[in-house]
Amino acid sequence: MALSLLVGAAAVVSSLYLDLPLKDPDGFLGPSYIRLPLLALGFIGGGLIVEAVRRSGWRNLPTTVVDVVKKEWNTHRLLCIGTGLLSFYVCYVAYRNLKSVLPVYRDGVLFDRQLFRLDNWLSGGSTPSLILHDLLGTGIAANFLSIAYLAYLPLIPISLGAFLVLSRNHAIGAWYATTLCLNWVLGTISYYLLPSVGPAFSHPEAYRALPDTGVSQLQESLFDTRLDYLSNPIGSDSIQGVAAFASLHVSVTFAAALFVTLTKQKRAVRAFTWIFFGVTVVATLYFGWHYILDDIAGIGIGWASVTLAAWVTGQHRARRALVASAHEQADATITVAEPEPEPSAALDVVPEPAPELSPVDEGLGRPA
């Protein structure tokens, strides 16, 4: 929560300094302050029904739901969920507003030429997007990658709601919420360190062969919004949303995949998140959202976000304690008590007296 207050304060100070109002970023799911609470309520309701059905089936469902609420949904749990959602919302709104005013603070400063040359060098004289267009084609692949890229927008808040609401371990939800918040914060810093717009906006001619998709429509909308904003930053009602370095699509999807791996979620969930991360990387290059260096930096931000969030929420210490406990249990398992020494046969066995020899036996015993 302290992180969200800090970055929120930075956005407020920036707004006052530039005399620009703070704006709530609207998506196709509606304003953040509406969709996040609705998402939380949906997960709470779904979680209650699932738990009630698991306990007693569909019979007496209302009674079982009430029983689940009384036993598992206390004030502390609701506060944890509310704090996580509020922190995410504040950080996201601050991130979008600070990203919007980037052209004002870094007026005329863009590193697209250098990043484009680096892409050419890394791609052996070509560009990553053209290589992918030739390799994957510009038909079915374009539509598939467009769907995957746009799926990021609802999946991230859905994943947040899932970990906050459905996880009985409140610390897991806090870790994930902090991870997402750190992605917004570190991503905003990277925007200001190396301003760029991405190859689709700096070299649009390389992407004219692509068909009309949801991504192409989004890029056109962002381009028009940017022009409207740059023409009059103070009078524009738009939020400028173009910035390439670093890729937060890559950072957030990598962070999510790493997080579900570290928290040992189900194998299917881990596989899905890593595949989704890989497809997202390909999509960012295919459509020209980002340069190669943007994606590499995004992976670094994702790793740093998970690691720092673990430290801030105490998960790093908890994991070390868990590992130490496991080692102690392993040592106790392989340590075997030394057996007591067995009694000596020479001491415990009393020798029987030699039998008396009869005259016949004595004769057998004389030497010839």
Protein backbone atom coordinates (compact mmCIF):
# COMPACT_ATOMS: atom_id res chain seq x y z
CA MET A 1 0.00 0.00 0.00
CA ALA A 2 2.92 2.36 0.74
CA LEU A 3 4.16 1.88 -2.82
CA SER A 4 0.80 2.84 -4.30
CA LEU A 5 0.63 5.94 -2.09
CA LEU A 6 4.11 6.96 -3.21
CA VAL A 7 3.49 6.58 -6.93
CA GLY A 8 0.03 8.10 -6.53
CA ALA A 9 1.59 11.12 -4.87
CA ALA A 10 4.06 11.40 -7.76
CA ALA A 11 1.17 11.46 -10.23
CA VAL A 12 -0.65 14.13 -8.20
CA VAL A 13 2.47 16.30 -7.98
CA SER A 14 2.99 15.95 -11.73
CA SER A 15 -0.62 16.90 -12.36
CA LEU A 16 -0.32 20.02 -10.22
CA TYR A 17 3.02 20.98 -11.75
CA LEU A 18 1.73 20.73 -15.33
CA ASP A 19 -1.75 21.96 -14.42
CA LEU A 20 -3.23 18.84 -16.03
CA PRO A 21 -6.07 16.92 -14.36
CA LEU A 22 -5.66 13.28 -13.42
CA LYS A 23 -7.68 10.99 -15.66
CA ASP A 24 -9.07 7.52 -15.11
CA PRO A 25 -8.00 5.26 -17.97
CA ASP A 26 -11.04 3.71 -19.63
CA GLY A 27 -10.76 0.37 -21.37
CA PHE A 28 -13.25 -1.69 -23.29
CA LEU A 29 -14.18 -3.25 -19.93
CA GLY A 30 -15.12 0.16 -18.55
CA PRO A 31 -13.38 2.51 -16.09
CA SER A 32 -10.96 0.90 -13.64
CA TYR A 33 -12.92 2.06 -10.59
CA ILE A 34 -15.95 0.16 -11.91
CA ARG A 35 -14.48 -3.01 -13.40
CA LEU A 36 -12.16 -3.87 -10.51
CA PRO A 37 -14.85 -3.87 -7.77
CA LEU A 38 -17.22 -5.76 -10.08
CA LEU A 39 -14.46 -8.25 -10.78
CA ALA A 40 -13.85 -8.73 -7.06
CA LEU A 41 -17.55 -9.21 -6.36
CA GLY A 42 -17.77 -11.72 -9.18
CA PHE A 43 -14.85 -13.73 -7.81
CA ILE A 44 -16.20 -13.59 -4.26
CA GLY A 45 -19.59 -14.86 -5.41
CA GLY A 46 -18.04 -17.54 -7.58
CA GLY A 47 -15.67 -18.61 -4.83
CA LEU A 48 -18.50 -18.91 -2.33
CA ILE A 49 -20.56 -21.07 -4.68
CA VAL A 50 -17.62 -23.33 -5.55
CA GLU A 51 -16.75 -23.86 -1.88
CA ALA A 52 -20.38 -24.49 -0.94
CA VAL A 53 -20.84 -27.04 -3.73
CA ARG A 54 -17.59 -28.75 -2.76
CA ARG A 55 -18.83 -29.15 0.80
CA SER A 56 -22.38 -30.35 0.35
CA GLY A 57 -23.27 -30.36 -3.33
CA TRP A 58 -26.11 -28.34 -4.80
CA ARG A 59 -28.54 -29.24 -2.05
CA ASN A 60 -29.09 -26.58 0.60
CA LEU A 61 -26.83 -24.25 -1.36
CA PRO A 62 -28.00 -20.98 0.29
CA THR A 63 -27.54 -22.42 3.78
CA THR A 64 -24.06 -23.73 2.93
CA VAL A 65 -23.05 -20.39 1.40
CA VAL A 66 -24.04 -18.61 4.61
CA ASP A 67 -22.02 -21.14 6.61
CA VAL A 68 -18.96 -20.59 4.39
CA VAL A 69 -19.25 -16.82 4.82
CA LYS A 70 -19.39 -17.14 8.61
CA LYS A 71 -16.41 -19.49 8.85
CA GLU A 72 -14.03 -18.21 6.16
CA TRP A 73 -14.95 -14.64 5.20
CA ASN A 74 -13.98 -12.43 8.10
CA THR A 75 -13.19 -8.73 8.14
CA HIS A 76 -9.45 -9.33 7.84
CA ARG A 77 -9.86 -11.25 4.59
CA LEU A 78 -12.10 -8.57 3.09
CA LEU A 79 -9.60 -5.87 4.09
CA CYS A 80 -6.78 -7.79 2.41
CA ILE A 81 -8.78 -8.07 -0.81
CA GLY A 82 -9.80 -4.41 -0.72
CA THR A 83 -6.25 -3.24 -0.01
CA GLY A 84 -4.85 -5.30 -2.88
CA LEU A 85 -7.40 -3.99 -5.37
CA LEU A 86 -7.02 -0.40 -4.21
CA SER A 87 -3.23 -0.58 -4.43
CA PHE A 88 -3.43 -1.99 -7.94
CA TYR A 89 -5.92 0.67 -9.01
CA VAL A 90 -3.89 3.59 -7.62
CA CYS A 91 -0.65 2.33 -9.18
CA TYR A 92 -2.31 1.67 -12.53
CA VAL A 93 -3.99 5.07 -12.72
CA ALA A 94 -0.74 6.79 -11.69
CA TYR A 95 1.20 4.77 -14.27
CA ARG A 96 -1.19 5.68 -17.09
CA ASN A 97 -1.16 9.37 -16.19
CA LEU A 98 2.64 9.54 -15.87
CA LYS A 99 2.96 7.67 -19.16
CA SER A 100 0.56 10.13 -20.77
CA VAL A 101 2.65 13.20 -19.90
CA LEU A 102 5.92 11.58 -21.03
CA PRO A 103 6.06 13.66 -24.27
CA VAL A 104 5.73 16.83 -22.18
CA TYR A 105 8.63 16.06 -19.85
CA ARG A 106 10.81 14.47 -22.57
CA ASP A 107 9.78 16.74 -25.41
CA GLY A 108 11.57 15.86 -28.64
CA VAL A 109 13.63 13.06 -27.08
CA LEU A 110 13.20 9.68 -28.79
CA PHE A 111 15.60 6.77 -29.16
CA ASP A 112 13.76 4.90 -31.91
CA ARG A 113 16.53 5.36 -34.47
CA GLN A 114 19.12 3.76 -32.20
CA LEU A 115 16.78 0.94 -31.14
CA PHE A 116 15.78 0.25 -34.75
CA ARG A 117 19.44 0.00 -35.78
CA LEU A 118 20.09 -2.36 -32.89
CA ASP A 119 17.20 -4.53 -34.09
CA ASN A 120 18.71 -4.63 -37.59
CA TRP A 121 22.08 -5.64 -36.19
CA LEU A 122 20.61 -8.34 -33.97
CA SER A 123 18.50 -9.65 -36.88
CA GLY A 124 21.37 -9.85 -39.34
CA GLY A 125 20.43 -6.81 -41.39
CA SER A 126 16.66 -7.34 -41.40
CA THR A 127 14.01 -6.52 -38.80
CA PRO A 128 12.41 -8.97 -36.35
CA SER A 129 8.91 -8.18 -37.61
CA LEU A 130 9.70 -8.92 -41.27
CA ILE A 131 11.40 -12.17 -40.29
CA LEU A 132 8.31 -13.19 -38.33
CA HIS A 133 6.00 -12.14 -41.19
CA ASP A 134 7.92 -14.39 -43.60
CA LEU A 135 8.14 -17.23 -41.09
CA LEU A 136 4.56 -17.22 -39.75
CA GLY A 137 2.72 -15.55 -42.60
CA THR A 138 0.34 -12.60 -42.40
CA GLY A 139 -3.00 -14.39 -42.35
CA ILE A 140 -4.01 -16.82 -39.63
CA ALA A 141 -0.96 -15.97 -37.53
CA ALA A 142 -1.84 -12.27 -37.49
CA ASN A 143 -5.36 -12.95 -36.25
CA PHE A 144 -4.21 -15.47 -33.64
CA LEU A 145 -1.46 -13.20 -32.29
CA SER A 146 -3.89 -10.28 -32.23
CA ILE A 147 -6.33 -12.23 -30.05
CA ALA A 148 -3.52 -13.31 -27.73
CA TYR A 149 -2.13 -9.79 -27.44
CA LEU A 150 -5.50 -8.24 -26.64
CA ALA A 151 -6.32 -11.04 -24.17
CA TYR A 152 -3.69 -9.51 -21.89
CA LEU A 153 -6.02 -6.61 -21.09
CA PRO A 154 -8.71 -8.62 -19.25
CA LEU A 155 -6.48 -11.49 -18.09
CA ILE A 156 -4.27 -9.39 -15.82
CA PRO A 157 -7.06 -7.96 -13.61
CA ILE A 158 -8.77 -11.37 -13.68
CA SER A 159 -5.59 -13.05 -12.42
CA LEU A 160 -5.30 -10.42 -9.68
CA GLY A 161 -8.86 -11.04 -8.57
CA ALA A 162 -8.27 -14.79 -8.58
CA PHE A 163 -5.21 -14.65 -6.33
CA LEU A 164 -6.73 -12.08 -3.97
CA VAL A 165 -10.14 -13.70 -3.60
CA LEU A 166 -9.70 -17.42 -4.18
CA SER A 167 -6.42 -17.91 -2.32
CA ARG A 168 -6.85 -18.70 1.37
CA ASN A 169 -3.28 -17.58 1.98
CA HIS A 170 -3.58 -13.79 2.11
CA ALA A 171 0.18 -13.40 1.73
CA ILE A 172 0.05 -14.97 -1.75
CA GLY A 173 -2.47 -12.38 -2.92
CA ALA A 174 -0.42 -9.56 -1.39
CA TRP A 175 2.70 -10.84 -3.15
CA TYR A 176 0.97 -10.90 -6.55
CA ALA A 177 -0.68 -7.49 -6.12
CA THR A 178 2.67 -5.97 -5.14
CA THR A 179 4.30 -7.66 -8.14
CA LEU A 180 1.86 -6.02 -10.54
CA CYS A 181 2.24 -2.64 -8.83
CA LEU A 182 6.02 -2.83 -9.14
CA ASN A 183 5.66 -3.60 -12.84
CA TRP A 184 3.77 -0.33 -13.33
CA VAL A 185 6.29 1.64 -11.28
CA LEU A 186 9.46 0.19 -12.83
CA GLY A 187 7.89 0.36 -16.28
CA THR A 188 7.13 4.06 -15.86
CA ILE A 189 10.74 4.71 -14.85
CA SER A 190 11.98 2.87 -17.95
CA TYR A 191 9.74 5.01 -20.18
CA TYR A 192 11.45 8.15 -18.93
CA LEU A 193 14.95 6.67 -19.14
CA LEU A 194 14.68 5.71 -22.81
CA PRO A 195 11.69 7.35 -24.52
CA SER A 196 10.57 5.67 -27.74
CA VAL A 197 7.35 4.96 -29.62
CA GLY A 198 8.10 1.55 -31.15
CA PRO A 199 8.74 0.40 -34.72
CA ALA A 200 5.05 0.34 -35.72
CA PHE A 201 4.89 4.10 -35.14
CA SER A 202 8.41 5.06 -36.19
CA HIS A 203 8.50 2.80 -39.32
CA PRO A 204 4.84 2.10 -40.21
CA GLU A 205 5.72 1.06 -43.77
CA ALA A 206 7.05 -2.27 -42.46
CA TYR A 207 3.58 -3.27 -41.23
CA ARG A 208 1.31 -2.32 -44.11
CA ALA A 209 1.12 -5.91 -45.33
CA LEU A 210 -0.64 -7.01 -42.15
CA PRO A 211 -4.43 -7.52 -42.32
CA ASP A 212 -6.96 -5.52 -40.37
CA THR A 213 -7.09 -6.96 -36.84
CA GLY A 214 -7.94 -5.83 -33.34
CA VAL A 215 -4.31 -4.88 -32.85
CA SER A 216 -4.17 -2.76 -36.00
CA GLN A 217 -7.31 -0.93 -34.89
CA LEU A 218 -5.82 -0.37 -31.45
CA GLN A 219 -2.60 0.98 -32.96
CA GLU A 220 -4.53 3.36 -35.18
CA SER A 221 -6.55 4.58 -32.19
CA LEU A 222 -3.41 5.11 -30.11
CA PHE A 223 -1.74 6.99 -32.96
CA ASP A 224 -4.73 9.34 -33.38
CA THR A 225 -4.94 9.85 -29.61
CA ARG A 226 -1.24 10.70 -29.45
CA LEU A 227 -1.55 13.28 -32.22
CA ASP A 228 -4.57 14.83 -30.52
CA TYR A 229 -2.73 14.98 -27.20
CA LEU A 230 0.47 16.43 -28.65
CA SER A 231 -1.48 19.15 -30.45
CA ASN A 232 -2.83 20.45 -27.13
CA PRO A 233 -1.73 18.58 -23.97
CA ILE A 234 -3.65 20.93 -21.66
CA GLY A 235 -6.90 21.03 -23.60
CA SER A 236 -6.99 17.39 -24.70
CA ASP A 237 -9.27 14.95 -22.90
CA SER A 238 -7.27 11.99 -24.19
CA ILE A 239 -4.67 9.89 -22.41
CA GLN A 240 -1.52 9.46 -24.48
CA GLY A 241 -0.61 5.77 -24.38
CA VAL A 242 2.37 5.24 -26.69
CA ALA A 243 5.69 4.21 -25.14
CA ALA A 244 7.91 1.31 -26.13
CA PHE A 245 10.82 0.88 -23.72
CA ALA A 246 10.35 -1.30 -21.81
CA SER A 247 7.58 -3.72 -22.79
CA LEU A 248 5.14 -4.05 -19.91
CA HIS A 249 3.19 -6.70 -21.79
CA VAL A 250 6.35 -8.81 -21.59
CA SER A 251 7.22 -7.80 -18.03
CA VAL A 252 3.77 -8.55 -16.60
CA THR A 253 3.29 -11.86 -18.43
CA PHE A 254 6.79 -12.98 -17.44
CA ALA A 255 6.17 -11.94 -13.84
CA ALA A 256 2.88 -13.86 -13.80
CA ALA A 257 4.53 -17.00 -15.19
CA LEU A 258 7.40 -16.77 -12.72
CA PHE A 259 4.99 -16.13 -9.86
CA VAL A 260 2.78 -19.15 -10.53
CA THR A 261 5.93 -21.26 -10.80
CA LEU A 262 7.36 -20.07 -7.49
CA THR A 263 4.03 -20.52 -5.73
CA LYS A 264 3.70 -24.04 -7.20
CA GLN A 265 0.32 -23.61 -8.83
CA LYS A 266 -1.21 -26.46 -10.83
CA ARG A 267 0.84 -27.73 -13.75
CA ALA A 268 -1.80 -26.65 -16.28
CA VAL A 269 -1.75 -23.09 -14.92
CA ARG A 270 2.05 -22.96 -15.05
CA ALA A 271 2.10 -24.29 -18.61
CA PHE A 272 -0.55 -21.81 -19.76
CA THR A 273 1.22 -18.78 -18.29
CA TRP A 274 4.59 -19.68 -19.81
CA ILE A 275 3.02 -20.35 -23.22
CA PHE A 276 1.08 -17.09 -23.00
CA PHE A 277 4.30 -15.26 -22.14
CA GLY A 278 6.07 -16.73 -25.18
CA VAL A 279 3.19 -15.86 -27.51
CA THR A 280 3.12 -12.32 -26.09
CA VAL A 281 6.83 -11.84 -26.85
CA VAL A 282 6.27 -12.96 -30.44
CA ALA A 283 3.22 -10.69 -30.79
CA THR A 284 5.08 -7.59 -29.56
CA LEU A 285 7.71 -8.05 -32.27
CA TYR A 286 5.31 -9.26 -34.97
CA PHE A 287 3.07 -6.18 -34.76
CA GLY A 288 5.90 -3.73 -34.11
CA TRP A 289 4.87 -2.73 -30.63
CA HIS A 290 8.40 -3.14 -29.33
CA TYR A 291 12.06 -3.57 -30.20
CA ILE A 292 14.09 -6.58 -29.07
CA LEU A 293 15.73 -4.56 -26.31
CA ASP A 294 12.27 -3.55 -25.04
CA ASP A 295 11.35 -7.19 -24.52
CA ILE A 296 14.67 -8.03 -22.85
CA ALA A 297 14.21 -5.11 -20.47
CA GLY A 298 10.63 -6.26 -19.86
CA ILE A 299 11.86 -9.66 -18.71
CA GLY A 300 14.27 -7.92 -16.34
CA ILE A 301 11.48 -5.76 -14.92
CA GLY A 302 9.25 -8.80 -14.47
CA TRP A 303 11.93 -10.70 -12.58
CA ALA A 304 12.77 -7.68 -10.41
CA SER A 305 9.09 -7.13 -9.62
CA VAL A 306 8.55 -10.69 -8.41
CA THR A 307 11.78 -10.67 -6.40
CA LEU A 308 11.23 -7.28 -4.76
CA ALA A 309 7.58 -8.06 -4.04
CA ALA A 310 8.61 -11.29 -2.32
CA TRP A 311 11.03 -9.36 -0.13
CA VAL A 312 8.55 -6.58 0.68
CA THR A 313 5.73 -8.97 1.61
CA GLY A 314 7.98 -11.30 3.60
CA GLN A 315 7.71 -14.19 1.15
CA HIS A 316 11.48 -14.33 0.68
CA ARG A 317 12.01 -14.98 4.39
CA ALA A 318 9.12 -17.42 4.47
CA ARG A 319 10.57 -19.39 1.56
CA ARG A 320 14.00 -19.50 3.21
CA ALA A 321 12.44 -20.73 6.45
CA LEU A 322 10.50 -23.36 4.50
CA VAL A 323 13.66 -24.56 2.77
CA ALA A 324 15.55 -24.67 6.08
CA SER A 325 12.71 -26.64 7.68
CA ALA A 326 12.71 -29.08 4.78
CA HIS A 327 16.47 -29.58 5.15
CA GLU A 328 16.08 -30.23 8.88
CA GLN A 329 13.36 -32.78 8.23
CA ALA A 330 15.54 -34.46 5.63
CA ASP A 331 18.47 -34.61 8.05
CA ALA A 332 16.23 -36.09 10.74
CA THR A 333 14.99 -38.71 8.30
CA ILE A 334 18.41 -39.93 7.24
CA THR A 335 19.89 -39.88 10.76
CA VAL A 336 19.60 -43.38 12.25
CA ALA A 337 20.25 -44.11 15.93
CA GLU A 338 23.30 -46.23 16.50
CA PRO A 339 22.32 -49.74 17.61
CA GLU A 340 23.32 -50.86 21.07
CA PRO A 341 26.26 -53.25 21.05
CA GLU A 342 25.16 -56.88 20.98
CA PRO A 343 26.25 -58.96 23.97
CA SER A 344 29.37 -61.00 23.41
CA ALA A 345 28.72 -64.61 22.70
CA ALA A 346 31.75 -65.60 24.79
CA LEU A 347 30.25 -64.00 27.91
CA ASP A 348 26.65 -65.04 27.53
CA VAL A 349 27.07 -68.67 26.58
CA VAL A 350 28.01 -70.91 29.47
CA PRO A 351 30.13 -73.81 28.24
CA GLU A 352 28.65 -77.21 28.91
CA PRO A 353 30.86 -79.53 30.99
CA ALA A 354 32.64 -82.23 29.06
CA PRO A 355 30.74 -85.50 29.26
CA GLU A 356 32.28 -88.24 31.34
CA LEU A 357 33.75 -90.94 29.19
CA SER A 358 32.75 -94.49 29.67
CA PRO A 359 35.41 -97.22 29.49
CA VAL A 360 34.38 -97.87 25.91
CA ASP A 361 34.61 -94.16 25.10
CA GLU A 362 37.98 -93.92 26.77
CA GLY A 363 39.20 -96.65 24.54
CA LEU A 364 38.05 -94.74 21.53
CA GLY A 365 39.86 -91.73 22.85
CA ARG A 366 43.32 -93.45 23.30
CA PRO A 367 45.79 -93.08 20.59
CA ALA A 368 46.55 -96.27 18.80
